[in-house]
Structure formats: C-alpha cells, structure tokens
Amino acid sequence: MSGTNEGQVVFFDDFSGQTLDRSKWNVIVTGFHVNNEQQAYVDSSATIHIAHGAEAAGAGNGALVLQPQYAPGFVTFDNKKFDFISGRIDTRNKVEFMYGTASARIKLTEGTGLWPAWWVLGTGRWPETGEIDIMEYVGEKDWASAAVHGPGYSGETPFVNRLYFPETNDVTNWHIYSVDWTPDSMVFKYDDVPMFRVTRPMAEHYGKWSFDNKKFLILNFALGGAYPVKINGAKQPYNGLPAETVERIKKGESKMLVDWVKITRRS
C-alpha cells in the first residue's frame, strides 16, 4: 500500500478477516457517559462485525460494520439504562503515532441524529492532550465535518469546518477522510481535496498546542446527543434522535462501513 508520494505505510487494516483483528483494535464497553449520547457501547457481533460480499457494498476485501441496535432497557455495568447499543473501537496501547497521515475509506447511511465518527485522541487527559476529529456526521447527508479540540478550544471549539458534498456524491457513497498532521499544522482532506487547515498559531491564540504527543485511532457510532441536537433540535423521543431515525435503526438500516484504515509517515 506504500505510494511514492505519500511515504511509508506504518499501519493498515482492510478488515479482510472474518472477525475484528484484536491485536490492532480494542472494543470499548460503556462505563463512561458523555455528550448526552443515547447509546451504550457493547462488545457484540450485533454492533461490530466484518462484512464480505454484498454486505460489504463494494469494499473488495471486506468491511468493518458498526451498527447501532434498538435494545430497550439495556443496563450497563455501572447500572445506567439505555435503549440503544452500538459499537466503538480504538487502538490505544496497540497503535499510537505522532505525525503523518491518518486516512480511512468510509460509507455512511442517512438518518437525522446518527453520529458516527472517525477521530484521533491523545493518550492523556482531555482536552490537554488534544483531539483531532477527522470526520463527524450527524445525519445531514450533504455534509460531514472536521474539528480540533485542545485546552482553551474544546467542546464548542472554534476549529470546526464542514465540507458540503455534491448531491450526486453525498456521505452515503464511499469517501476517503484523512488528516495530514505535522508539528505545526493539521490539514483535513476529503477525497484528497483539502477542506480545513488548523495551524499552531491559530491554536495558540486560544491555548496550548496539544499536537506534539502520540495519539490513537477511534471509530465509533454514537446516537443523538450534544452535536446532533444542535443541528436538528430533536428532543423526542430521544435527545437529538427523532422517531424516523429510531425506525431506521430498528429496521437495521443504520450502518457505518469502513473499507480500510491507514497511517502513513513521510520518510
């Protein structure tokens, strides 16, 4: 997978096996609660599996599928109740990197208040060790967004930008979402086209530059909560998650497919 222009491939997973490669990925189980999200993360083939053939939707060697499920009254190990379960994986302590390009080829489904994401997080306290959101999608299929969080610019960060897709090529099609991370900047690219740049001076206007440390990869599928509700205003039946989307989830229509994930480093 190494190309002459992009440098050395230091991590690659094209989800070609029958199950998730746990030498590369951790499966996260909810014992944390953030952003008023409506899902509990579980370690289950119902919410995380590898698809082949027609279900992989054109991903030749297979695709990772993160799929929320309606599971009314589900209780987490810390005794919190949720009506949905979903999937979240990361590479903490397995694959961590500093500088280079993190990219993934992803296909999403429509549904107001869905909140799948592809992102990179520092290994220490948040937001001090930084967060790089390569792709977030909250159910409006004509756009996805990128964002950066750090001390003094977290939560309602000033560093967030959308890319609006052409009507014939929205988020329900395959796209490559990437960030080029250097000691002084992050350039976000969708299908190799730059869509947002955050530089060290821009961040230092608000606080400390938090992107000179190792970070790990995250893929997750959240439902509702703080970001979606700001966009769609839905309060019922769930925060940020309207009834029509609940029906899509019940029918098994809501999925995040990932063809491959790659980290490259310039030589």
C-alpha atoms as a PDB file:
ATOM      1  CA  MET A   1       0.000   0.000   0.000  1.00  0.00           C
ATOM      2  CA  SER A   2       3.026   2.297   0.043  1.00  0.00           C
ATOM      3  CA  GLY A   3       2.964   5.039  -2.567  1.00  0.00           C
ATOM      4  CA  THR A   4       5.904   7.132  -3.668  1.00  0.00           C
ATOM      5  CA  ASN A   5       4.187  10.396  -2.821  1.00  0.00           C
ATOM      6  CA  GLU A   6       2.655   9.542   0.490  1.00  0.00           C
ATOM      7  CA  GLY A   7       5.528   7.945   2.360  1.00  0.00           C
ATOM      8  CA  GLN A   8       5.741   4.760   4.371  1.00  0.00           C
ATOM      9  CA  VAL A   9       2.641   2.876   5.498  1.00  0.00           C
ATOM     10  CA  VAL A  10       3.079   2.218   9.230  1.00  0.00           C
ATOM     11  CA  PHE A  11      -0.408   0.848   9.913  1.00  0.00           C
ATOM     12  CA  PHE A  12      -3.009  -0.700   7.632  1.00  0.00           C
ATOM     13  CA  ASP A  13      -6.150  -2.719   8.190  1.00  0.00           C
ATOM     14  CA  ASP A  14      -8.558  -3.590   5.394  1.00  0.00           C
ATOM     15  CA  PHE A  15     -10.797  -5.775   7.567  1.00  0.00           C
ATOM     16  CA  SER A  16     -10.210  -8.795   5.364  1.00  0.00           C
ATOM     17  CA  GLY A  17     -10.543 -11.397   8.135  1.00  0.00           C
ATOM     18  CA  GLN A  18     -13.694 -12.999   9.453  1.00  0.00           C
ATOM     19  CA  THR A  19     -13.570 -11.045  12.717  1.00  0.00           C
ATOM     20  CA  LEU A  20     -12.039  -7.827  14.036  1.00  0.00           C
ATOM     21  CA  ASP A  21      -8.253  -8.047  14.483  1.00  0.00           C
ATOM     22  CA  ARG A  22      -7.886  -7.505  18.223  1.00  0.00           C
ATOM     23  CA  SER A  23      -4.123  -7.279  18.000  1.00  0.00           C
ATOM     24  CA  LYS A  24      -4.821  -3.876  16.412  1.00  0.00           C
ATOM     25  CA  TRP A  25      -8.134  -2.815  17.923  1.00  0.00           C
ATOM     26  CA  ASN A  26      -9.746  -2.617  21.356  1.00  0.00           C
ATOM     27  CA  VAL A  27     -13.534  -2.934  21.669  1.00  0.00           C
ATOM     28  CA  ILE A  28     -14.845  -0.319  24.080  1.00  0.00           C
ATOM     29  CA  VAL A  29     -17.637  -1.136  26.532  1.00  0.00           C
ATOM     30  CA  THR A  30     -19.610   1.729  28.064  1.00  0.00           C
ATOM     31  CA  GLY A  31     -18.722   2.706  31.573  1.00  0.00           C
ATOM     32  CA  PHE A  32     -18.343   6.334  30.608  1.00  0.00           C
ATOM     33  CA  HIS A  33     -21.122   8.730  29.662  1.00  0.00           C
ATOM     34  CA  VAL A  34     -20.545  11.838  27.537  1.00  0.00           C
ATOM     35  CA  ASN A  35     -22.398  14.377  25.386  1.00  0.00           C
ATOM     36  CA  ASN A  36     -25.845  13.089  26.437  1.00  0.00           C
ATOM     37  CA  GLU A  37     -25.460  10.335  23.830  1.00  0.00           C
ATOM     38  CA  GLN A  38     -28.226   7.745  23.645  1.00  0.00           C
ATOM     39  CA  GLN A  39     -26.215   4.550  23.092  1.00  0.00           C
ATOM     40  CA  ALA A  40     -24.269   2.115  25.246  1.00  0.00           C
ATOM     41  CA  TYR A  41     -21.203   0.593  23.620  1.00  0.00           C
ATOM     42  CA  VAL A  42     -21.026  -3.193  23.814  1.00  0.00           C
ATOM     43  CA  ASP A  43     -18.695  -5.934  22.639  1.00  0.00           C
ATOM     44  CA  SER A  44     -21.050  -7.833  20.364  1.00  0.00           C
ATOM     45  CA  SER A  45     -21.219  -9.086  16.793  1.00  0.00           C
ATOM     46  CA  ALA A  46     -24.616  -7.371  16.650  1.00  0.00           C
ATOM     47  CA  THR A  47     -22.904  -3.976  16.737  1.00  0.00           C
ATOM     48  CA  ILE A  48     -19.383  -4.732  15.397  1.00  0.00           C
ATOM     49  CA  HIS A  49     -18.712  -7.246  12.653  1.00  0.00           C
ATOM     50  CA  ILE A  50     -16.819  -7.779   9.413  1.00  0.00           C
ATOM     51  CA  ALA A  51     -18.874  -7.917   6.226  1.00  0.00           C
ATOM     52  CA  HIS A  52     -17.942  -9.694   2.994  1.00  0.00           C
ATOM     53  CA  GLY A  53     -19.662  -9.932  -0.368  1.00  0.00           C
ATOM     54  CA  ALA A  54     -22.780  -7.885  -0.998  1.00  0.00           C
ATOM     55  CA  GLU A  55     -22.985  -6.531   2.555  1.00  0.00           C
ATOM     56  CA  ALA A  56     -19.506  -5.000   2.155  1.00  0.00           C
ATOM     57  CA  ALA A  57     -21.052  -2.721  -0.502  1.00  0.00           C
ATOM     58  CA  GLY A  58     -18.056  -2.684  -2.807  1.00  0.00           C
ATOM     59  CA  ALA A  59     -15.257  -2.985  -0.254  1.00  0.00           C
ATOM     60  CA  GLY A  60     -13.287  -5.671  -2.067  1.00  0.00           C
ATOM     61  CA  ASN A  61     -11.554  -7.455   0.832  1.00  0.00           C
ATOM     62  CA  GLY A  62     -14.271  -6.893   3.405  1.00  0.00           C
ATOM     63  CA  ALA A  63     -15.539  -4.012   5.514  1.00  0.00           C
ATOM     64  CA  LEU A  64     -15.866  -3.207   9.175  1.00  0.00           C
ATOM     65  CA  VAL A  65     -19.513  -2.608  10.073  1.00  0.00           C
ATOM     66  CA  LEU A  66     -20.512  -0.558  13.111  1.00  0.00           C
ATOM     67  CA  GLN A  67     -24.269  -0.868  13.527  1.00  0.00           C
ATOM     68  CA  PRO A  68     -26.450   0.541  16.297  1.00  0.00           C
ATOM     69  CA  GLN A  69     -29.320  -1.635  17.511  1.00  0.00           C
ATOM     70  CA  TYR A  70     -32.539  -0.885  19.367  1.00  0.00           C
ATOM     71  CA  ALA A  71     -32.259  -2.608  22.753  1.00  0.00           C
ATOM     72  CA  PRO A  72     -34.774  -1.014  25.141  1.00  0.00           C
ATOM     73  CA  GLY A  73     -33.821  -1.115  28.804  1.00  0.00           C
ATOM     74  CA  PHE A  74     -30.216  -2.217  28.264  1.00  0.00           C
ATOM     75  CA  VAL A  75     -28.266  -1.777  31.521  1.00  0.00           C
ATOM     76  CA  THR A  76     -24.530  -1.033  31.527  1.00  0.00           C
ATOM     77  CA  PHE A  77     -22.128  -2.484  34.074  1.00  0.00           C
ATOM     78  CA  ASP A  78     -22.307   0.793  36.020  1.00  0.00           C
ATOM     79  CA  ASN A  79     -26.105   0.447  36.165  1.00  0.00           C
ATOM     80  CA  LYS A  80     -27.148   3.075  33.641  1.00  0.00           C
ATOM     81  CA  LYS A  81     -30.065   2.366  31.288  1.00  0.00           C
ATOM     82  CA  PHE A  82     -30.049   2.846  27.520  1.00  0.00           C
ATOM     83  CA  ASP A  83     -32.463   1.962  24.729  1.00  0.00           C
ATOM     84  CA  PHE A  84     -29.720   1.529  22.122  1.00  0.00           C
ATOM     85  CA  ILE A  85     -26.464  -0.383  21.872  1.00  0.00           C
ATOM     86  CA  SER A  86     -23.693   0.376  19.407  1.00  0.00           C
ATOM     87  CA  GLY A  87     -20.005  -0.114  18.580  1.00  0.00           C
ATOM     88  CA  ARG A  88     -16.782   1.736  19.335  1.00  0.00           C
ATOM     89  CA  ILE A  89     -13.228   0.557  18.682  1.00  0.00           C
ATOM     90  CA  ASP A  90      -9.838   2.174  19.233  1.00  0.00           C
ATOM     91  CA  THR A  91      -6.102   1.430  19.014  1.00  0.00           C
ATOM     92  CA  ARG A  92      -4.976   2.752  22.411  1.00  0.00           C
ATOM     93  CA  ASN A  93      -1.790   0.969  23.597  1.00  0.00           C
ATOM     94  CA  LYS A  94      -1.753  -1.012  20.330  1.00  0.00           C
ATOM     95  CA  VAL A  95      -1.272   1.509  17.540  1.00  0.00           C
ATOM     96  CA  GLU A  96      -0.231   5.022  18.526  1.00  0.00           C
ATOM     97  CA  PHE A  97       1.516   7.581  16.347  1.00  0.00           C
ATOM     98  CA  MET A  98       2.762  11.162  16.176  1.00  0.00           C
ATOM     99  CA  TYR A  99       2.683  12.999  12.830  1.00  0.00           C
ATOM    100  CA  GLY A 100       1.811  11.554   9.458  1.00  0.00           C
ATOM    101  CA  THR A 101      -1.444  10.960   7.610  1.00  0.00           C
ATOM    102  CA  ALA A 102      -4.373   9.046   9.096  1.00  0.00           C
ATOM    103  CA  SER A 103      -6.962   8.091   6.488  1.00  0.00           C
ATOM    104  CA  ALA A 104      -9.985   5.827   6.191  1.00  0.00           C
ATOM    105  CA  ARG A 105     -12.420   4.938   3.426  1.00  0.00           C
ATOM    106  CA  ILE A 106     -15.931   5.137   4.864  1.00  0.00           C
ATOM    107  CA  LYS A 107     -19.538   4.785   3.700  1.00  0.00           C
ATOM    108  CA  LEU A 108     -22.443   6.009   5.848  1.00  0.00           C
ATOM    109  CA  THR A 109     -26.226   5.777   5.892  1.00  0.00           C
ATOM    110  CA  GLU A 110     -28.688   8.631   6.146  1.00  0.00           C
ATOM    111  CA  GLY A 111     -30.655   9.339   9.295  1.00  0.00           C
ATOM    112  CA  THR A 112     -31.094  12.525  11.302  1.00  0.00           C
ATOM    113  CA  GLY A 113     -29.220  12.313  14.605  1.00  0.00           C
ATOM    114  CA  LEU A 114     -26.915   9.439  13.731  1.00  0.00           C
ATOM    115  CA  TRP A 115     -23.412  10.386  14.908  1.00  0.00           C
ATOM    116  CA  PRO A 116     -20.703   8.120  13.504  1.00  0.00           C
ATOM    117  CA  ALA A 117     -17.151   9.448  13.711  1.00  0.00           C
ATOM    118  CA  TRP A 118     -13.533   8.781  12.725  1.00  0.00           C
ATOM    119  CA  TRP A 119     -11.065  10.533  15.000  1.00  0.00           C
ATOM    120  CA  VAL A 120      -7.748  10.622  16.830  1.00  0.00           C
ATOM    121  CA  LEU A 121      -7.232  11.203  20.559  1.00  0.00           C
ATOM    122  CA  GLY A 122      -4.284  11.889  22.846  1.00  0.00           C
ATOM    123  CA  THR A 123      -3.359   9.280  25.431  1.00  0.00           C
ATOM    124  CA  GLY A 124      -3.575  11.577  28.470  1.00  0.00           C
ATOM    125  CA  ARG A 125      -6.237  13.834  29.953  1.00  0.00           C
ATOM    126  CA  TRP A 126      -8.780  15.538  27.717  1.00  0.00           C
ATOM    127  CA  PRO A 127      -8.532  18.160  26.315  1.00  0.00           C
ATOM    128  CA  GLU A 128      -4.936  18.730  27.392  1.00  0.00           C
ATOM    129  CA  THR A 129      -3.531  16.057  25.087  1.00  0.00           C
ATOM    130  CA  GLY A 130      -5.674  17.017  22.109  1.00  0.00           C
ATOM    131  CA  GLU A 131      -8.372  15.588  19.866  1.00  0.00           C
ATOM    132  CA  ILE A 132      -8.453  15.529  16.071  1.00  0.00           C
ATOM    133  CA  ASP A 133     -11.890  14.810  14.576  1.00  0.00           C
ATOM    134  CA  ILE A 134     -11.265  13.727  11.001  1.00  0.00           C
ATOM    135  CA  MET A 135     -14.891  13.016  10.144  1.00  0.00           C
ATOM    136  CA  GLU A 136     -18.086  13.555  12.096  1.00  0.00           C
ATOM    137  CA  TYR A 137     -21.527  13.095  10.603  1.00  0.00           C
ATOM    138  CA  VAL A 138     -24.788  13.973  12.334  1.00  0.00           C
ATOM    139  CA  GLY A 139     -27.308  12.788   9.776  1.00  0.00           C
ATOM    140  CA  GLU A 140     -27.499  15.539   7.151  1.00  0.00           C
ATOM    141  CA  LYS A 141     -26.169  13.557   4.228  1.00  0.00           C
ATOM    142  CA  ASP A 142     -24.890  16.530   2.223  1.00  0.00           C
ATOM    143  CA  TRP A 143     -22.051  17.301   4.653  1.00  0.00           C
ATOM    144  CA  ALA A 144     -19.520  15.969   7.110  1.00  0.00           C
ATOM    145  CA  SER A 145     -17.284  17.966   9.427  1.00  0.00           C
ATOM    146  CA  ALA A 146     -13.764  18.061  10.848  1.00  0.00           C
ATOM    147  CA  ALA A 147     -12.717  19.638  14.154  1.00  0.00           C
ATOM    148  CA  VAL A 148      -9.826  20.126  16.561  1.00  0.00           C
ATOM    149  CA  HIS A 149     -10.029  20.271  20.368  1.00  0.00           C
ATOM    150  CA  GLY A 150      -7.428  21.282  22.939  1.00  0.00           C
ATOM    151  CA  PRO A 151      -7.076  23.358  26.137  1.00  0.00           C
ATOM    152  CA  GLY A 152      -8.935  26.631  25.606  1.00  0.00           C
ATOM    153  CA  TYR A 153     -10.541  25.387  22.404  1.00  0.00           C
ATOM    154  CA  SER A 154     -12.543  22.319  23.415  1.00  0.00           C
ATOM    155  CA  GLY A 155     -16.217  21.455  23.338  1.00  0.00           C
ATOM    156  CA  GLU A 156     -17.632  24.444  21.462  1.00  0.00           C
ATOM    157  CA  THR A 157     -14.334  24.644  19.608  1.00  0.00           C
ATOM    158  CA  PRO A 158     -13.688  27.487  17.160  1.00  0.00           C
ATOM    159  CA  PHE A 159     -11.914  24.954  14.955  1.00  0.00           C
ATOM    160  CA  VAL A 160     -14.665  23.157  13.080  1.00  0.00           C
ATOM    161  CA  ASN A 161     -15.473  23.136   9.373  1.00  0.00           C
ATOM    162  CA  ARG A 162     -17.902  21.372   7.040  1.00  0.00           C
ATOM    163  CA  LEU A 163     -17.473  20.051   3.553  1.00  0.00           C
ATOM    164  CA  TYR A 164     -20.658  20.044   1.504  1.00  0.00           C
ATOM    165  CA  PHE A 165     -20.806  17.200  -0.990  1.00  0.00           C
ATOM    166  CA  PRO A 166     -22.367  17.325  -4.441  1.00  0.00           C
ATOM    167  CA  GLU A 167     -25.900  15.976  -4.492  1.00  0.00           C
ATOM    168  CA  THR A 168     -24.777  13.012  -6.593  1.00  0.00           C
ATOM    169  CA  ASN A 169     -21.945  12.060  -4.228  1.00  0.00           C
ATOM    170  CA  ASP A 170     -23.115  12.544  -0.632  1.00  0.00           C
ATOM    171  CA  VAL A 171     -21.963  10.702   2.513  1.00  0.00           C
ATOM    172  CA  THR A 172     -23.921   7.583   1.582  1.00  0.00           C
ATOM    173  CA  ASN A 173     -21.199   6.938  -1.019  1.00  0.00           C
ATOM    174  CA  TRP A 174     -17.634   5.866  -0.257  1.00  0.00           C
ATOM    175  CA  HIS A 175     -15.238   8.704   0.636  1.00  0.00           C
ATOM    176  CA  ILE A 176     -11.678   8.853   1.930  1.00  0.00           C
ATOM    177  CA  TYR A 177     -11.450  11.024   5.039  1.00  0.00           C
ATOM    178  CA  SER A 178      -7.937  11.977   6.133  1.00  0.00           C
ATOM    179  CA  VAL A 179      -5.753  14.373   8.113  1.00  0.00           C
ATOM    180  CA  ASP A 180      -2.156  15.310   7.369  1.00  0.00           C
ATOM    181  CA  TRP A 181      -0.629  16.025  10.790  1.00  0.00           C
ATOM    182  CA  THR A 182       2.724  17.797  11.083  1.00  0.00           C
ATOM    183  CA  PRO A 183       4.495  19.512  14.021  1.00  0.00           C
ATOM    184  CA  ASP A 184       2.813  22.798  13.073  1.00  0.00           C
ATOM    185  CA  SER A 185      -0.497  22.030  11.349  1.00  0.00           C
ATOM    186  CA  MET A 186      -3.323  19.674  10.548  1.00  0.00           C
ATOM    187  CA  VAL A 187      -4.738  19.654   7.030  1.00  0.00           C
ATOM    188  CA  PHE A 188      -8.007  17.756   6.647  1.00  0.00           C
ATOM    189  CA  LYS A 189      -8.743  16.260   3.243  1.00  0.00           C
ATOM    190  CA  TYR A 190     -11.851  14.563   1.920  1.00  0.00           C
ATOM    191  CA  ASP A 191     -11.096  12.516  -1.203  1.00  0.00           C
ATOM    192  CA  ASP A 192      -7.645  14.157  -1.269  1.00  0.00           C
ATOM    193  CA  VAL A 193      -9.126  17.666  -1.504  1.00  0.00           C
ATOM    194  CA  PRO A 194      -8.120  19.974   1.397  1.00  0.00           C
ATOM    195  CA  MET A 195     -11.231  21.123   3.280  1.00  0.00           C
ATOM    196  CA  PHE A 196      -9.816  22.632   6.508  1.00  0.00           C
ATOM    197  CA  ARG A 197      -6.469  23.643   7.963  1.00  0.00           C
ATOM    198  CA  VAL A 198      -5.611  24.362  11.602  1.00  0.00           C
ATOM    199  CA  THR A 199      -2.124  25.701  12.359  1.00  0.00           C
ATOM    200  CA  ARG A 200      -0.125  26.038  15.554  1.00  0.00           C
ATOM    201  CA  PRO A 201      -0.516  29.864  15.687  1.00  0.00           C
ATOM    202  CA  MET A 202      -4.291  29.512  15.269  1.00  0.00           C
ATOM    203  CA  ALA A 203      -4.494  27.105  18.212  1.00  0.00           C
ATOM    204  CA  GLU A 204      -2.088  29.122  20.370  1.00  0.00           C
ATOM    205  CA  HIS A 205      -4.398  32.106  20.052  1.00  0.00           C
ATOM    206  CA  TYR A 206      -6.719  30.170  22.389  1.00  0.00           C
ATOM    207  CA  GLY A 207      -4.421  27.864  24.377  1.00  0.00           C
ATOM    208  CA  LYS A 208      -1.605  25.363  24.293  1.00  0.00           C
ATOM    209  CA  TRP A 209      -0.780  23.441  21.120  1.00  0.00           C
ATOM    210  CA  SER A 210      -1.687  19.861  22.057  1.00  0.00           C
ATOM    211  CA  PHE A 211      -0.475  18.033  18.987  1.00  0.00           C
ATOM    212  CA  ASP A 212       3.121  17.149  19.821  1.00  0.00           C
ATOM    213  CA  ASN A 213       2.265  13.850  21.504  1.00  0.00           C
ATOM    214  CA  LYS A 214       1.205  10.350  20.495  1.00  0.00           C
ATOM    215  CA  LYS A 215      -2.382   9.686  19.628  1.00  0.00           C
ATOM    216  CA  PHE A 216      -4.551   6.646  18.870  1.00  0.00           C
ATOM    217  CA  LEU A 217      -7.316   5.970  16.344  1.00  0.00           C
ATOM    218  CA  ILE A 218     -11.046   5.730  17.086  1.00  0.00           C
ATOM    219  CA  LEU A 219     -14.047   4.603  15.036  1.00  0.00           C
ATOM    220  CA  ASN A 220     -17.425   4.807  16.731  1.00  0.00           C
ATOM    221  CA  PHE A 221     -21.148   5.108  16.085  1.00  0.00           C
ATOM    222  CA  ALA A 222     -22.916   7.367  18.576  1.00  0.00           C
ATOM    223  CA  LEU A 223     -26.615   8.260  18.537  1.00  0.00           C
ATOM    224  CA  GLY A 224     -28.136  11.625  19.364  1.00  0.00           C
ATOM    225  CA  GLY A 225     -26.599  13.856  21.992  1.00  0.00           C
ATOM    226  CA  ALA A 226     -24.965  17.264  22.041  1.00  0.00           C
ATOM    227  CA  TYR A 227     -23.761  17.723  18.459  1.00  0.00           C
ATOM    228  CA  PRO A 228     -26.780  16.239  16.639  1.00  0.00           C
ATOM    229  CA  VAL A 229     -29.318  18.086  18.801  1.00  0.00           C
ATOM    230  CA  LYS A 230     -27.621  21.397  18.000  1.00  0.00           C
ATOM    231  CA  ILE A 231     -28.229  20.664  14.322  1.00  0.00           C
ATOM    232  CA  ASN A 232     -31.653  19.004  14.332  1.00  0.00           C
ATOM    233  CA  GLY A 233     -33.302  20.294  17.518  1.00  0.00           C
ATOM    234  CA  ALA A 234     -34.985  16.946  18.192  1.00  0.00           C
ATOM    235  CA  LYS A 235     -35.992  16.445  21.824  1.00  0.00           C
ATOM    236  CA  GLN A 236     -38.351  13.468  21.370  1.00  0.00           C
ATOM    237  CA  PRO A 237     -38.378  10.544  21.540  1.00  0.00           C
ATOM    238  CA  TYR A 238     -34.650  10.908  22.365  1.00  0.00           C
ATOM    239  CA  ASN A 239     -32.250  13.820  22.651  1.00  0.00           C
ATOM    240  CA  GLY A 240     -31.090  14.572  19.112  1.00  0.00           C
ATOM    241  CA  LEU A 241     -32.689  11.414  17.705  1.00  0.00           C
ATOM    242  CA  PRO A 242     -36.121  11.750  16.073  1.00  0.00           C
ATOM    243  CA  ALA A 243     -38.680   8.961  15.629  1.00  0.00           C
ATOM    244  CA  GLU A 244     -37.966   8.358  11.942  1.00  0.00           C
ATOM    245  CA  THR A 245     -34.324   7.606  12.725  1.00  0.00           C
ATOM    246  CA  VAL A 246     -35.308   5.264  15.543  1.00  0.00           C
ATOM    247  CA  GLU A 247     -37.370   3.356  12.963  1.00  0.00           C
ATOM    248  CA  ARG A 248     -34.373   3.143  10.620  1.00  0.00           C
ATOM    249  CA  ILE A 249     -32.280   1.702  13.451  1.00  0.00           C
ATOM    250  CA  LYS A 250     -34.990  -0.824  14.336  1.00  0.00           C
ATOM    251  CA  LYS A 251     -35.043  -1.955  10.689  1.00  0.00           C
ATOM    252  CA  GLY A 252     -31.262  -2.466  10.669  1.00  0.00           C
ATOM    253  CA  GLU A 253     -30.722   0.305   8.125  1.00  0.00           C
ATOM    254  CA  SER A 254     -28.185   2.403  10.064  1.00  0.00           C
ATOM    255  CA  LYS A 255     -24.556   1.421   9.474  1.00  0.00           C
ATOM    256  CA  MET A 256     -21.035   2.780   9.217  1.00  0.00           C
ATOM    257  CA  LEU A 257     -18.926   0.762   6.772  1.00  0.00           C
ATOM    258  CA  VAL A 258     -15.143   1.106   6.810  1.00  0.00           C
ATOM    259  CA  ASP A 259     -13.221  -0.333   3.865  1.00  0.00           C
ATOM    260  CA  TRP A 260      -9.757   0.337   5.305  1.00  0.00           C
ATOM    261  CA  VAL A 261      -7.775   2.424   7.785  1.00  0.00           C
ATOM    262  CA  LYS A 262      -4.229   3.561   7.155  1.00  0.00           C
ATOM    263  CA  ILE A 263      -1.449   5.604   8.776  1.00  0.00           C
ATOM    264  CA  THR A 264       1.395   6.794   6.563  1.00  0.00           C
ATOM    265  CA  ARG A 265       4.526   8.627   7.616  1.00  0.00           C
ATOM    266  CA  ARG A 266       6.686  10.753   5.380  1.00  0.00           C
ATOM    267  CA  SER A 267      10.215   9.417   5.106  1.00  0.00           C
END
